[in-house]
Amino acid sequence: MWKRAIFAAIVVSLMSAAAYASFFVAPTERTMGTLQRIFYFHAAAAWAGMTAFSVTFVANLLYVWRRQPRWDSLGDAERLAVLRRRRNIALGVAAGVMLARGALGNPWLFAELLGGRERGPTPEEVIAELDWTIDRAVEHLGQARATRYLRKFYPWYVPRLALDAQTAKRLQASLQSAETLDQVAELLGPARRPLAPAV
């Protein structure tokens, strides 16, 4: 009994230390910022869940093959752990979705993280990527559906166009209410050229 209590205390201490380090010791990642801290939770939850599933799978296969009770008891014990680990998988997936959502509209992110880029994308690169996204949406959804579907993409791209706050806000609102992609192209026209400073 006391061994189990010591083991539990060690696990809780290590988890507390890891949580503290992820929030207060690890530096803020320069490209994704604070959002990247979700990764520390996402990876651990996913690994814990998949490990429980894998051990159960192997133990059950060995029991079917060897018919030895030890494999059956390990599989049963792990089945209980798997029920608990389903929550870890769900949390890991949810954290992954949050992490990916924060990186959307920034396909340059991984090049920056891997050292292939010194700085973020230029406004011209952002517009080119948005044009590519619009073309693919039209190709797959047709003009009318793509116009509505793309409204959720603009908030990912507009902040990267290096516009002043008022211009970005007006552009965002106009893009959201545009009824055709021709109107979208017209609205994005000024962003394709260097803008004169606001007076």
Protein backbone atom coordinates (compact mmCIF):
# COMPACT_ATOMS: atom_id res chain seq x y z
CA MET A 1 0.00 0.00 0.00
CA TRP A 2 2.76 2.45 0.92
CA LYS A 3 4.58 1.67 -2.34
CA ARG A 4 1.49 2.73 -4.28
CA ALA A 5 1.26 5.96 -2.26
CA ILE A 6 4.93 6.76 -2.94
CA PHE A 7 4.48 6.01 -6.64
CA ALA A 8 1.39 8.26 -6.79
CA ALA A 9 3.27 11.06 -5.00
CA ILE A 10 6.16 10.78 -7.48
CA VAL A 11 3.77 10.87 -10.47
CA VAL A 12 1.89 13.90 -9.10
CA SER A 13 5.18 15.69 -8.37
CA LEU A 14 6.52 15.05 -11.87
CA MET A 15 3.26 16.13 -13.49
CA SER A 16 3.20 19.31 -11.40
CA ALA A 17 6.80 20.07 -12.32
CA ALA A 18 6.06 19.52 -16.03
CA ALA A 19 2.98 21.77 -15.87
CA TYR A 20 4.95 24.48 -14.08
CA ALA A 21 7.80 24.23 -16.61
CA SER A 22 5.47 24.41 -19.60
CA PHE A 23 3.77 27.58 -18.34
CA PHE A 24 6.54 29.45 -16.52
CA VAL A 25 9.95 28.10 -17.56
CA ALA A 26 9.68 27.29 -21.28
CA PRO A 27 10.20 30.42 -23.37
CA THR A 28 7.34 31.73 -25.49
CA GLU A 29 7.72 30.40 -29.02
CA ARG A 30 8.42 33.28 -31.38
CA THR A 31 6.07 32.33 -34.24
CA MET A 32 3.00 30.88 -32.54
CA GLY A 33 3.41 32.66 -29.23
CA THR A 34 1.55 31.42 -26.17
CA LEU A 35 -0.65 29.16 -28.31
CA GLN A 36 2.30 26.77 -28.69
CA ARG A 37 2.08 25.87 -24.99
CA ILE A 38 -0.97 23.75 -25.85
CA PHE A 39 1.46 21.38 -27.56
CA TYR A 40 2.96 20.29 -24.22
CA PHE A 41 -0.45 19.02 -23.14
CA HIS A 42 -1.49 17.74 -26.59
CA ALA A 43 1.53 15.47 -27.08
CA ALA A 44 1.45 13.98 -23.56
CA ALA A 45 -2.29 13.23 -23.67
CA ALA A 46 -2.04 11.65 -27.12
CA TRP A 47 0.95 9.46 -26.16
CA ALA A 48 -0.69 8.28 -22.92
CA GLY A 49 -3.89 7.35 -24.71
CA MET A 50 -2.18 5.54 -27.59
CA THR A 51 0.14 3.65 -25.23
CA ALA A 52 -2.83 2.26 -23.28
CA PHE A 53 -4.57 1.19 -26.49
CA SER A 54 -1.40 -0.41 -27.85
CA VAL A 55 -0.63 -2.41 -24.68
CA THR A 56 -4.21 -3.69 -24.56
CA PHE A 57 -4.10 -4.67 -28.22
CA VAL A 58 -0.81 -6.57 -27.90
CA ALA A 59 -1.88 -8.28 -24.64
CA ASN A 60 -5.14 -9.46 -26.19
CA LEU A 61 -3.37 -10.73 -29.31
CA LEU A 62 -0.89 -12.66 -27.14
CA TYR A 63 -3.74 -14.16 -25.12
CA VAL A 64 -5.52 -15.33 -28.28
CA TRP A 65 -2.28 -16.78 -29.60
CA ARG A 66 -0.78 -18.29 -26.39
CA ARG A 67 -3.88 -18.77 -24.17
CA GLN A 68 -1.86 -17.82 -21.09
CA PRO A 69 -3.85 -16.21 -18.24
CA ARG A 70 -1.20 -13.54 -17.59
CA TRP A 71 -1.90 -11.96 -20.99
CA ASP A 72 -5.63 -12.04 -20.33
CA SER A 73 -5.23 -10.38 -16.94
CA LEU A 74 -2.95 -7.72 -18.45
CA GLY A 75 -5.52 -7.13 -21.19
CA ASP A 76 -8.32 -6.84 -18.59
CA ALA A 77 -6.34 -4.42 -16.45
CA GLU A 78 -5.45 -2.41 -19.49
CA ARG A 79 -9.07 -2.41 -20.66
CA LEU A 80 -9.87 -0.38 -17.55
CA ALA A 81 -6.97 1.92 -18.34
CA VAL A 82 -8.20 2.24 -21.91
CA LEU A 83 -11.55 3.51 -20.67
CA ARG A 84 -9.70 6.22 -18.76
CA ARG A 85 -7.35 6.87 -21.68
CA ARG A 86 -10.24 7.51 -24.06
CA ARG A 87 -10.54 10.81 -22.23
CA ASN A 88 -6.83 11.47 -22.87
CA ILE A 89 -7.30 10.79 -26.57
CA ALA A 90 -10.30 13.12 -26.70
CA LEU A 91 -8.39 15.86 -24.88
CA GLY A 92 -5.33 15.31 -27.06
CA VAL A 93 -7.41 15.62 -30.22
CA ALA A 94 -9.15 18.74 -28.93
CA ALA A 95 -5.79 20.30 -28.06
CA GLY A 96 -4.48 19.38 -31.52
CA VAL A 97 -7.46 21.10 -33.12
CA MET A 98 -6.82 24.26 -31.07
CA LEU A 99 -3.14 24.18 -32.01
CA ALA A 100 -3.87 23.68 -35.71
CA ARG A 101 -6.56 26.35 -35.69
CA GLY A 102 -4.03 28.84 -34.34
CA ALA A 103 -1.64 27.99 -37.18
CA LEU A 104 -4.25 28.16 -39.96
CA GLY A 105 -3.70 30.79 -42.57
CA ASN A 106 0.02 30.55 -41.93
CA PRO A 107 1.52 27.83 -44.13
CA TRP A 108 4.89 29.51 -43.59
CA LEU A 109 4.86 28.56 -39.93
CA PHE A 110 6.72 25.27 -40.24
CA ALA A 111 9.38 26.77 -42.52
CA GLU A 112 9.95 29.43 -39.86
CA LEU A 113 10.08 26.86 -37.07
CA LEU A 114 12.56 24.71 -38.98
CA GLY A 115 14.78 27.69 -39.74
CA GLY A 116 14.00 27.83 -43.47
CA ARG A 117 12.67 31.39 -43.18
CA GLU A 118 14.10 34.32 -41.31
CA ARG A 119 10.84 36.27 -41.06
CA GLY A 120 7.13 36.01 -41.64
CA PRO A 121 5.48 36.21 -45.06
CA THR A 122 5.30 39.42 -47.05
CA PRO A 123 1.84 40.83 -47.85
CA GLU A 124 2.37 39.71 -51.47
CA GLU A 125 2.95 36.11 -50.30
CA VAL A 126 -0.15 36.28 -48.11
CA ILE A 127 -2.29 37.49 -51.04
CA ALA A 128 -0.83 34.81 -53.32
CA GLU A 129 -1.65 32.11 -50.74
CA LEU A 130 -5.18 33.50 -50.27
CA ASP A 131 -5.67 33.54 -54.06
CA TRP A 132 -4.56 29.90 -54.20
CA THR A 133 -7.01 29.04 -51.38
CA ILE A 134 -9.84 30.83 -53.22
CA ASP A 135 -9.05 28.99 -56.47
CA ARG A 136 -9.06 25.60 -54.69
CA ALA A 137 -12.36 26.42 -52.96
CA VAL A 138 -14.00 27.34 -56.28
CA GLU A 139 -12.56 24.22 -57.89
CA HIS A 140 -14.03 21.94 -55.20
CA LEU A 141 -17.21 23.78 -54.15
CA GLY A 142 -18.25 25.95 -57.06
CA GLN A 143 -18.49 29.74 -57.07
CA ALA A 144 -21.58 30.24 -54.87
CA ARG A 145 -20.64 27.82 -52.08
CA ALA A 146 -16.99 28.91 -52.14
CA THR A 147 -18.02 32.54 -51.60
CA ARG A 148 -19.78 31.61 -48.34
CA TYR A 149 -17.20 29.00 -47.29
CA LEU A 150 -14.23 31.37 -47.66
CA ARG A 151 -15.64 33.85 -45.14
CA LYS A 152 -14.05 31.85 -42.34
CA PHE A 153 -10.62 32.08 -44.00
CA TYR A 154 -10.31 35.86 -44.23
CA PRO A 155 -9.68 36.41 -40.49
CA TRP A 156 -6.58 34.20 -40.81
CA TYR A 157 -5.08 36.15 -43.71
CA VAL A 158 -6.07 39.81 -43.22
CA PRO A 159 -3.98 40.34 -40.04
CA ARG A 160 -0.88 39.27 -41.99
CA LEU A 161 -1.32 41.94 -44.68
CA ALA A 162 0.54 44.64 -42.69
CA LEU A 163 -2.42 47.02 -42.78
CA ASP A 164 -3.15 49.61 -40.11
CA ALA A 165 -5.83 48.55 -37.62
CA GLN A 166 -8.69 50.61 -39.09
CA THR A 167 -8.00 49.52 -42.67
CA ALA A 168 -7.74 45.87 -41.61
CA LYS A 169 -11.02 46.10 -39.70
CA ARG A 170 -12.84 47.69 -42.67
CA LEU A 171 -11.37 45.13 -45.09
CA GLN A 172 -12.38 42.27 -42.81
CA ALA A 173 -15.96 43.53 -42.52
CA SER A 174 -16.19 44.09 -46.28
CA LEU A 175 -14.85 40.62 -47.07
CA GLN A 176 -17.37 39.05 -44.69
CA SER A 177 -20.27 40.77 -46.44
CA ALA A 178 -19.03 40.30 -50.04
CA GLU A 179 -21.63 38.44 -52.08
CA THR A 180 -19.38 37.32 -54.94
CA LEU A 181 -15.74 36.43 -55.36
CA ASP A 182 -15.45 39.26 -57.89
CA GLN A 183 -16.24 41.64 -55.03
CA VAL A 184 -13.61 39.84 -52.91
CA ALA A 185 -11.01 40.30 -55.68
CA GLU A 186 -11.93 43.99 -55.94
CA LEU A 187 -11.62 44.44 -52.16
CA LEU A 188 -8.23 42.72 -52.09
CA GLY A 189 -6.97 44.82 -55.03
CA PRO A 190 -5.44 47.61 -52.89
CA ALA A 191 -3.71 45.02 -50.69
CA ARG A 192 -1.88 43.73 -53.77
CA ARG A 193 0.01 47.02 -54.06
CA PRO A 194 1.94 48.91 -51.38
CA LEU A 195 -0.52 51.17 -49.56
CA ALA A 196 0.05 54.85 -49.00
CA PRO A 197 0.30 55.70 -45.30
CA ALA A 198 -2.99 56.78 -43.73
CA VAL A 199 -3.31 60.57 -43.28
